[in-house]
Amino acid sequence: MLFAALFPSLVSQVLFIRANDMIGSNRAGLVMNLVPIFGTILSVMILGEMLELYHVVALGLVLVLVLGGIWLAERWKR
């Protein structure tokens, strides 16, 4: 319980705050949309979850939408 409380929650928040300082809050907010993608990938790699065809289709759709949104936001920023 100490590991779960200390490392994932505390360290991730410290790293996010540092990254936010480095790249700015607008760009850091865009990266938060990648959490479902990384969550799916890590659940397959670490927990051994079964990846079915509908997961792959949904993950591809989410990946296209998230990366397209990030691309649009970065493109019109300039």
PDB file of N, CA and C in Angstrom:
ATOM      1  N   MET A   1       0.828  -1.179   0.000  1.00  0.00           N
ATOM      2  CA  MET A   1       0.000   0.000   0.000  1.00  0.00           C
ATOM      3  C   MET A   1       0.880   1.253   0.000  1.00  0.00           C
ATOM      4  N   LEU A   2       1.973   1.181   0.707  1.00  0.00           N
ATOM      5  CA  LEU A   2       2.901   2.311   0.716  1.00  0.00           C
ATOM      6  C   LEU A   2       3.468   2.558  -0.681  1.00  0.00           C
ATOM      7  N   PHE A   3       3.802   1.478  -1.390  1.00  0.00           N
ATOM      8  CA  PHE A   3       4.314   1.615  -2.755  1.00  0.00           C
ATOM      9  C   PHE A   3       3.280   2.282  -3.658  1.00  0.00           C
ATOM     10  N   ALA A   4       2.024   1.834  -3.569  1.00  0.00           N
ATOM     11  CA  ALA A   4       0.967   2.386  -4.416  1.00  0.00           C
ATOM     12  C   ALA A   4       0.686   3.845  -4.071  1.00  0.00           C
ATOM     13  N   ALA A   5       0.814   4.200  -2.829  1.00  0.00           N
ATOM     14  CA  ALA A   5       0.552   5.577  -2.429  1.00  0.00           C
ATOM     15  C   ALA A   5       1.720   6.493  -2.777  1.00  0.00           C
ATOM     16  N   LEU A   6       2.921   5.983  -2.670  1.00  0.00           N
ATOM     17  CA  LEU A   6       4.089   6.841  -2.839  1.00  0.00           C
ATOM     18  C   LEU A   6       4.505   6.991  -4.300  1.00  0.00           C
ATOM     19  N   PHE A   7       4.774   5.899  -4.952  1.00  0.00           N
ATOM     20  CA  PHE A   7       5.376   6.007  -6.282  1.00  0.00           C
ATOM     21  C   PHE A   7       4.408   6.438  -7.372  1.00  0.00           C
ATOM     22  N   PRO A   8       3.340   5.701  -7.646  1.00  0.00           N
ATOM     23  CA  PRO A   8       2.508   6.128  -8.768  1.00  0.00           C
ATOM     24  C   PRO A   8       1.854   7.487  -8.563  1.00  0.00           C
ATOM     25  N   SER A   9       1.356   7.749  -7.380  1.00  0.00           N
ATOM     26  CA  SER A   9       0.633   9.007  -7.187  1.00  0.00           C
ATOM     27  C   SER A   9       1.575  10.187  -6.967  1.00  0.00           C
ATOM     28  N   LEU A  10       2.507  10.062  -6.081  1.00  0.00           N
ATOM     29  CA  LEU A  10       3.389  11.181  -5.749  1.00  0.00           C
ATOM     30  C   LEU A  10       4.382  11.473  -6.875  1.00  0.00           C
ATOM     31  N   VAL A  11       5.052  10.442  -7.337  1.00  0.00           N
ATOM     32  CA  VAL A  11       6.069  10.644  -8.370  1.00  0.00           C
ATOM     33  C   VAL A  11       5.433  11.133  -9.670  1.00  0.00           C
ATOM     34  N   SER A  12       4.287  10.576 -10.039  1.00  0.00           N
ATOM     35  CA  SER A  12       3.644  11.021 -11.283  1.00  0.00           C
ATOM     36  C   SER A  12       3.216  12.479 -11.185  1.00  0.00           C
ATOM     37  N   GLN A  13       2.733  12.904 -10.046  1.00  0.00           N
ATOM     38  CA  GLN A  13       2.343  14.302  -9.894  1.00  0.00           C
ATOM     39  C   GLN A  13       3.547  15.234  -9.932  1.00  0.00           C
ATOM     40  N   VAL A  14       4.627  14.832  -9.303  1.00  0.00           N
ATOM     41  CA  VAL A  14       5.845  15.648  -9.320  1.00  0.00           C
ATOM     42  C   VAL A  14       6.382  15.764 -10.743  1.00  0.00           C
ATOM     43  N   LEU A  15       6.402  14.647 -11.476  1.00  0.00           N
ATOM     44  CA  LEU A  15       6.881  14.683 -12.858  1.00  0.00           C
ATOM     45  C   LEU A  15       5.957  15.495 -13.754  1.00  0.00           C
ATOM     46  N   PHE A  16       4.637  15.395 -13.536  1.00  0.00           N
ATOM     47  CA  PHE A  16       3.715  16.183 -14.340  1.00  0.00           C
ATOM     48  C   PHE A  16       3.885  17.675 -14.072  1.00  0.00           C
ATOM     49  N   ILE A  17       4.067  18.047 -12.835  1.00  0.00           N
ATOM     50  CA  ILE A  17       4.268  19.460 -12.505  1.00  0.00           C
ATOM     51  C   ILE A  17       5.568  19.974 -13.131  1.00  0.00           C
ATOM     52  N   ARG A  18       6.610  19.160 -13.084  1.00  0.00           N
ATOM     53  CA  ARG A  18       7.885  19.560 -13.693  1.00  0.00           C
ATOM     54  C   ARG A  18       7.749  19.698 -15.213  1.00  0.00           C
ATOM     55  N   ALA A  19       7.065  18.736 -15.840  1.00  0.00           N
ATOM     56  CA  ALA A  19       6.849  18.809 -17.284  1.00  0.00           C
ATOM     57  C   ALA A  19       5.996  20.013 -17.640  1.00  0.00           C
ATOM     58  N   ASN A  20       5.025  20.318 -16.787  1.00  0.00           N
ATOM     59  CA  ASN A  20       4.174  21.477 -16.996  1.00  0.00           C
ATOM     60  C   ASN A  20       4.995  22.758 -16.960  1.00  0.00           C
ATOM     61  N   ASP A  21       5.946  22.824 -16.060  1.00  0.00           N
ATOM     62  CA  ASP A  21       6.832  23.982 -16.004  1.00  0.00           C
ATOM     63  C   ASP A  21       7.711  24.087 -17.243  1.00  0.00           C
ATOM     64  N   MET A  22       8.134  22.931 -17.755  1.00  0.00           N
ATOM     65  CA  MET A  22       9.058  22.924 -18.880  1.00  0.00           C
ATOM     66  C   MET A  22       8.378  23.277 -20.208  1.00  0.00           C
ATOM     67  N   ILE A  23       7.194  22.721 -20.474  1.00  0.00           N
ATOM     68  CA  ILE A  23       6.587  22.920 -21.796  1.00  0.00           C
ATOM     69  C   ILE A  23       5.370  23.832 -21.782  1.00  0.00           C
ATOM     70  N   GLY A  24       4.899  24.200 -20.628  1.00  0.00           N
ATOM     71  CA  GLY A  24       3.746  25.082 -20.536  1.00  0.00           C
ATOM     72  C   GLY A  24       2.449  24.309 -20.349  1.00  0.00           C
ATOM     73  N   SER A  25       1.484  24.964 -19.760  1.00  0.00           N
ATOM     74  CA  SER A  25       0.241  24.276 -19.400  1.00  0.00           C
ATOM     75  C   SER A  25      -0.609  23.917 -20.612  1.00  0.00           C
ATOM     76  N   ASN A  26      -0.586  24.727 -21.667  1.00  0.00           N
ATOM     77  CA  ASN A  26      -1.386  24.412 -22.855  1.00  0.00           C
ATOM     78  C   ASN A  26      -0.932  23.128 -23.522  1.00  0.00           C
ATOM     79  N   ARG A  27       0.364  22.970 -23.688  1.00  0.00           N
ATOM     80  CA  ARG A  27       0.888  21.760 -24.319  1.00  0.00           C
ATOM     81  C   ARG A  27       0.790  20.568 -23.388  1.00  0.00           C
ATOM     82  N   ALA A  28       0.971  20.763 -22.097  1.00  0.00           N
ATOM     83  CA  ALA A  28       0.867  19.648 -21.149  1.00  0.00           C
ATOM     84  C   ALA A  28      -0.568  19.135 -21.071  1.00  0.00           C
ATOM     85  N   GLY A  29      -1.530  20.019 -21.201  1.00  0.00           N
ATOM     86  CA  GLY A  29      -2.933  19.604 -21.183  1.00  0.00           C
ATOM     87  C   GLY A  29      -3.295  18.725 -22.364  1.00  0.00           C
ATOM     88  N   LEU A  30      -2.668  18.974 -23.511  1.00  0.00           N
ATOM     89  CA  LEU A  30      -2.915  18.148 -24.687  1.00  0.00           C
ATOM     90  C   LEU A  30      -2.426  16.722 -24.478  1.00  0.00           C
ATOM     91  N   VAL A  31      -1.319  16.566 -23.787  1.00  0.00           N
ATOM     92  CA  VAL A  31      -0.736  15.247 -23.556  1.00  0.00           C
ATOM     93  C   VAL A  31      -1.617  14.417 -22.606  1.00  0.00           C
ATOM     94  N   MET A  32      -2.401  15.062 -21.780  1.00  0.00           N
ATOM     95  CA  MET A  32      -3.284  14.332 -20.859  1.00  0.00           C
ATOM     96  C   MET A  32      -4.297  13.472 -21.617  1.00  0.00           C
ATOM     97  N   ASN A  33      -4.590  13.816 -22.859  1.00  0.00           N
ATOM     98  CA  ASN A  33      -5.516  13.020 -23.654  1.00  0.00           C
ATOM     99  C   ASN A  33      -4.937  11.675 -24.067  1.00  0.00           C
ATOM    100  N   LEU A  34      -3.647  11.473 -23.882  1.00  0.00           N
ATOM    101  CA  LEU A  34      -3.013  10.207 -24.222  1.00  0.00           C
ATOM    102  C   LEU A  34      -3.132   9.163 -23.107  1.00  0.00           C
ATOM    103  N   VAL A  35      -3.691   9.515 -21.966  1.00  0.00           N
ATOM    104  CA  VAL A  35      -3.796   8.599 -20.829  1.00  0.00           C
ATOM    105  C   VAL A  35      -4.548   7.309 -21.170  1.00  0.00           C
ATOM    106  N   PRO A  36      -5.704   7.334 -21.875  1.00  0.00           N
ATOM    107  CA  PRO A  36      -6.364   6.062 -22.200  1.00  0.00           C
ATOM    108  C   PRO A  36      -5.532   5.150 -23.095  1.00  0.00           C
ATOM    109  N   ILE A  37      -4.757   5.740 -23.969  1.00  0.00           N
ATOM    110  CA  ILE A  37      -3.916   4.944 -24.861  1.00  0.00           C
ATOM    111  C   ILE A  37      -2.813   4.252 -24.074  1.00  0.00           C
ATOM    112  N   PHE A  38      -2.116   5.010 -23.239  1.00  0.00           N
ATOM    113  CA  PHE A  38      -1.062   4.415 -22.426  1.00  0.00           C
ATOM    114  C   PHE A  38      -1.628   3.444 -21.398  1.00  0.00           C
ATOM    115  N   GLY A  39      -2.806   3.729 -20.873  1.00  0.00           N
ATOM    116  CA  GLY A  39      -3.440   2.817 -19.921  1.00  0.00           C
ATOM    117  C   GLY A  39      -3.736   1.468 -20.536  1.00  0.00           C
ATOM    118  N   THR A  40      -4.220   1.466 -21.767  1.00  0.00           N
ATOM    119  CA  THR A  40      -4.501   0.212 -22.459  1.00  0.00           C
ATOM    120  C   THR A  40      -3.225  -0.564 -22.738  1.00  0.00           C
ATOM    121  N   ILE A  41      -2.227   0.126 -23.250  1.00  0.00           N
ATOM    122  CA  ILE A  41      -0.960  -0.535 -23.571  1.00  0.00           C
ATOM    123  C   ILE A  41      -0.309  -1.111 -22.322  1.00  0.00           C
ATOM    124  N   LEU A  42      -0.294  -0.346 -21.239  1.00  0.00           N
ATOM    125  CA  LEU A  42       0.330  -0.827 -20.004  1.00  0.00           C
ATOM    126  C   LEU A  42      -0.465  -1.955 -19.356  1.00  0.00           C
ATOM    127  N   SER A  43      -1.794  -1.949 -19.487  1.00  0.00           N
ATOM    128  CA  SER A  43      -2.571  -3.041 -18.911  1.00  0.00           C
ATOM    129  C   SER A  43      -2.302  -4.349 -19.641  1.00  0.00           C
ATOM    130  N   VAL A  44      -2.041  -4.281 -20.934  1.00  0.00           N
ATOM    131  CA  VAL A  44      -1.688  -5.494 -21.685  1.00  0.00           C
ATOM    132  C   VAL A  44      -0.277  -5.953 -21.307  1.00  0.00           C
ATOM    133  N   MET A  45       0.662  -5.010 -21.225  1.00  0.00           N
ATOM    134  CA  MET A  45       2.051  -5.369 -20.950  1.00  0.00           C
ATOM    135  C   MET A  45       2.278  -5.817 -19.510  1.00  0.00           C
ATOM    136  N   ILE A  46       1.747  -5.081 -18.561  1.00  0.00           N
ATOM    137  CA  ILE A  46       2.045  -5.342 -17.147  1.00  0.00           C
ATOM    138  C   ILE A  46       1.080  -6.346 -16.530  1.00  0.00           C
ATOM    139  N   LEU A  47      -0.213  -6.166 -16.767  1.00  0.00           N
ATOM    140  CA  LEU A  47      -1.214  -7.004 -16.121  1.00  0.00           C
ATOM    141  C   LEU A  47      -1.568  -8.253 -16.918  1.00  0.00           C
ATOM    142  N   GLY A  48      -1.135  -8.308 -18.153  1.00  0.00           N
ATOM    143  CA  GLY A  48      -1.432  -9.464 -18.978  1.00  0.00           C
ATOM    144  C   GLY A  48      -2.872  -9.527 -19.452  1.00  0.00           C
ATOM    145  N   GLU A  49      -3.510  -8.388 -19.587  1.00  0.00           N
ATOM    146  CA  GLU A  49      -4.891  -8.351 -20.084  1.00  0.00           C
ATOM    147  C   GLU A  49      -4.941  -8.873 -21.512  1.00  0.00           C
ATOM    148  N   MET A  50      -6.049  -9.502 -21.856  1.00  0.00           N
ATOM    149  CA  MET A  50      -6.228  -9.999 -23.213  1.00  0.00           C
ATOM    150  C   MET A  50      -6.669  -8.847 -24.120  1.00  0.00           C
ATOM    151  N   LEU A  51      -6.000  -8.712 -25.239  1.00  0.00           N
ATOM    152  CA  LEU A  51      -6.322  -7.669 -26.192  1.00  0.00           C
ATOM    153  C   LEU A  51      -7.150  -8.291 -27.316  1.00  0.00           C
ATOM    154  N   GLU A  52      -8.408  -7.915 -27.401  1.00  0.00           N
ATOM    155  CA  GLU A  52      -9.321  -8.448 -28.412  1.00  0.00           C
ATOM    156  C   GLU A  52      -9.372  -7.497 -29.611  1.00  0.00           C
ATOM    157  N   LEU A  53     -10.011  -7.954 -30.677  1.00  0.00           N
ATOM    158  CA  LEU A  53     -10.087  -7.156 -31.898  1.00  0.00           C
ATOM    159  C   LEU A  53     -10.814  -5.829 -31.669  1.00  0.00           C
ATOM    160  N   TYR A  54     -11.894  -5.847 -30.896  1.00  0.00           N
ATOM    161  CA  TYR A  54     -12.625  -4.601 -30.655  1.00  0.00           C
ATOM    162  C   TYR A  54     -11.810  -3.617 -29.835  1.00  0.00           C
ATOM    163  N   HIS A  55     -10.895  -4.112 -28.991  1.00  0.00           N
ATOM    164  CA  HIS A  55      -9.988  -3.215 -28.278  1.00  0.00           C
ATOM    165  C   HIS A  55      -9.045  -2.528 -29.254  1.00  0.00           C
ATOM    166  N   VAL A  56      -8.528  -3.294 -30.197  1.00  0.00           N
ATOM    167  CA  VAL A  56      -7.586  -2.737 -31.175  1.00  0.00           C
ATOM    168  C   VAL A  56      -8.277  -1.689 -32.039  1.00  0.00           C
ATOM    169  N   VAL A  57      -9.519  -1.972 -32.460  1.00  0.00           N
ATOM    170  CA  VAL A  57     -10.269  -1.013 -33.275  1.00  0.00           C
ATOM    171  C   VAL A  57     -10.534   0.268 -32.488  1.00  0.00           C
ATOM    172  N   ALA A  58     -10.978   0.129 -31.255  1.00  0.00           N
ATOM    173  CA  ALA A  58     -11.258   1.308 -30.424  1.00  0.00           C
ATOM    174  C   ALA A  58      -9.980   2.071 -30.118  1.00  0.00           C
ATOM    175  N   LEU A  59      -8.903   1.357 -29.848  1.00  0.00           N
ATOM    176  CA  LEU A  59      -7.628   2.012 -29.562  1.00  0.00           C
ATOM    177  C   LEU A  59      -7.128   2.774 -30.785  1.00  0.00           C
ATOM    178  N   GLY A  60      -7.294   2.200 -31.963  1.00  0.00           N
ATOM    179  CA  GLY A  60      -6.898   2.896 -33.189  1.00  0.00           C
ATOM    180  C   GLY A  60      -7.713   4.160 -33.410  1.00  0.00           C
ATOM    181  N   LEU A  61      -9.026   4.072 -33.164  1.00  0.00           N
ATOM    182  CA  LEU A  61      -9.886   5.247 -33.312  1.00  0.00           C
ATOM    183  C   LEU A  61      -9.511   6.337 -32.315  1.00  0.00           C
ATOM    184  N   VAL A  62      -9.296   5.953 -31.068  1.00  0.00           N
ATOM    185  CA  VAL A  62      -8.900   6.930 -30.052  1.00  0.00           C
ATOM    186  C   VAL A  62      -7.546   7.531 -30.396  1.00  0.00           C
ATOM    187  N   LEU A  63      -6.637   6.712 -30.870  1.00  0.00           N
ATOM    188  CA  LEU A  63      -5.310   7.209 -31.236  1.00  0.00           C
ATOM    189  C   LEU A  63      -5.397   8.236 -32.363  1.00  0.00           C
ATOM    190  N   VAL A  64      -6.209   7.943 -33.379  1.00  0.00           N
ATOM    191  CA  VAL A  64      -6.379   8.889 -34.490  1.00  0.00           C
ATOM    192  C   VAL A  64      -7.011  10.187 -33.993  1.00  0.00           C
ATOM    193  N   LEU A  65      -8.047  10.080 -33.174  1.00  0.00           N
ATOM    194  CA  LEU A  65      -8.718  11.288 -32.683  1.00  0.00           C
ATOM    195  C   LEU A  65      -7.812  12.126 -31.784  1.00  0.00           C
ATOM    196  N   VAL A  66      -7.096  11.482 -30.872  1.00  0.00           N
ATOM    197  CA  VAL A  66      -6.232  12.222 -29.943  1.00  0.00           C
ATOM    198  C   VAL A  66      -5.056  12.848 -30.682  1.00  0.00           C
ATOM    199  N   LEU A  67      -4.378  12.065 -31.500  1.00  0.00           N
ATOM    200  CA  LEU A  67      -3.235  12.622 -32.224  1.00  0.00           C
ATOM    201  C   LEU A  67      -3.676  13.675 -33.234  1.00  0.00           C
ATOM    202  N   GLY A  68      -4.857  13.492 -33.843  1.00  0.00           N
ATOM    203  CA  GLY A  68      -5.387  14.519 -34.736  1.00  0.00           C
ATOM    204  C   GLY A  68      -5.697  15.809 -33.994  1.00  0.00           C
ATOM    205  N   GLY A  69      -6.255  15.688 -32.800  1.00  0.00           N
ATOM    206  CA  GLY A  69      -6.526  16.878 -31.990  1.00  0.00           C
ATOM    207  C   GLY A  69      -5.262  17.586 -31.556  1.00  0.00           C
ATOM    208  N   ILE A  70      -4.261  16.812 -31.165  1.00  0.00           N
ATOM    209  CA  ILE A  70      -2.979  17.416 -30.780  1.00  0.00           C
ATOM    210  C   ILE A  70      -2.343  18.097 -31.993  1.00  0.00           C
ATOM    211  N   TRP A  71      -2.400  17.435 -33.147  1.00  0.00           N
ATOM    212  CA  TRP A  71      -1.841  18.029 -34.355  1.00  0.00           C
ATOM    213  C   TRP A  71      -2.544  19.334 -34.709  1.00  0.00           C
ATOM    214  N   LEU A  72      -3.874  19.343 -34.638  1.00  0.00           N
ATOM    215  CA  LEU A  72      -4.622  20.564 -34.931  1.00  0.00           C
ATOM    216  C   LEU A  72      -4.287  21.685 -33.949  1.00  0.00           C
ATOM    217  N   ALA A  73      -4.204  21.339 -32.682  1.00  0.00           N
ATOM    218  CA  ALA A  73      -3.894  22.358 -31.674  1.00  0.00           C
ATOM    219  C   ALA A  73      -2.504  22.928 -31.859  1.00  0.00           C
ATOM    220  N   GLU A  74      -1.559  22.081 -32.206  1.00  0.00           N
ATOM    221  CA  GLU A  74      -0.194  22.564 -32.429  1.00  0.00           C
ATOM    222  C   GLU A  74      -0.076  23.331 -33.740  1.00  0.00           C
ATOM    223  N   ARG A  75      -0.845  22.941 -34.730  1.00  0.00           N
ATOM    224  CA  ARG A  75      -0.769  23.588 -36.040  1.00  0.00           C
ATOM    225  C   ARG A  75      -1.293  25.007 -35.985  1.00  0.00           C
ATOM    226  N   TRP A  76      -2.439  25.206 -35.336  1.00  0.00           N
ATOM    227  CA  TRP A  76      -3.035  26.541 -35.288  1.00  0.00           C
ATOM    228  C   TRP A  76      -2.511  27.402 -34.145  1.00  0.00           C
ATOM    229  N   LYS A  77      -1.584  26.868 -33.389  1.00  0.00           N
ATOM    230  CA  LYS A  77      -0.984  27.649 -32.307  1.00  0.00           C
ATOM    231  C   LYS A  77      -0.127  28.773 -32.873  1.00  0.00           C
ATOM    232  N   ARG A  78       0.517  28.508 -33.977  1.00  0.00           N
ATOM    233  CA  ARG A  78       1.492  29.480 -34.530  1.00  0.00           C
ATOM    234  C   ARG A  78       0.834  30.632 -35.197  1.00  0.00           C
TER     235      ARG A  78
END
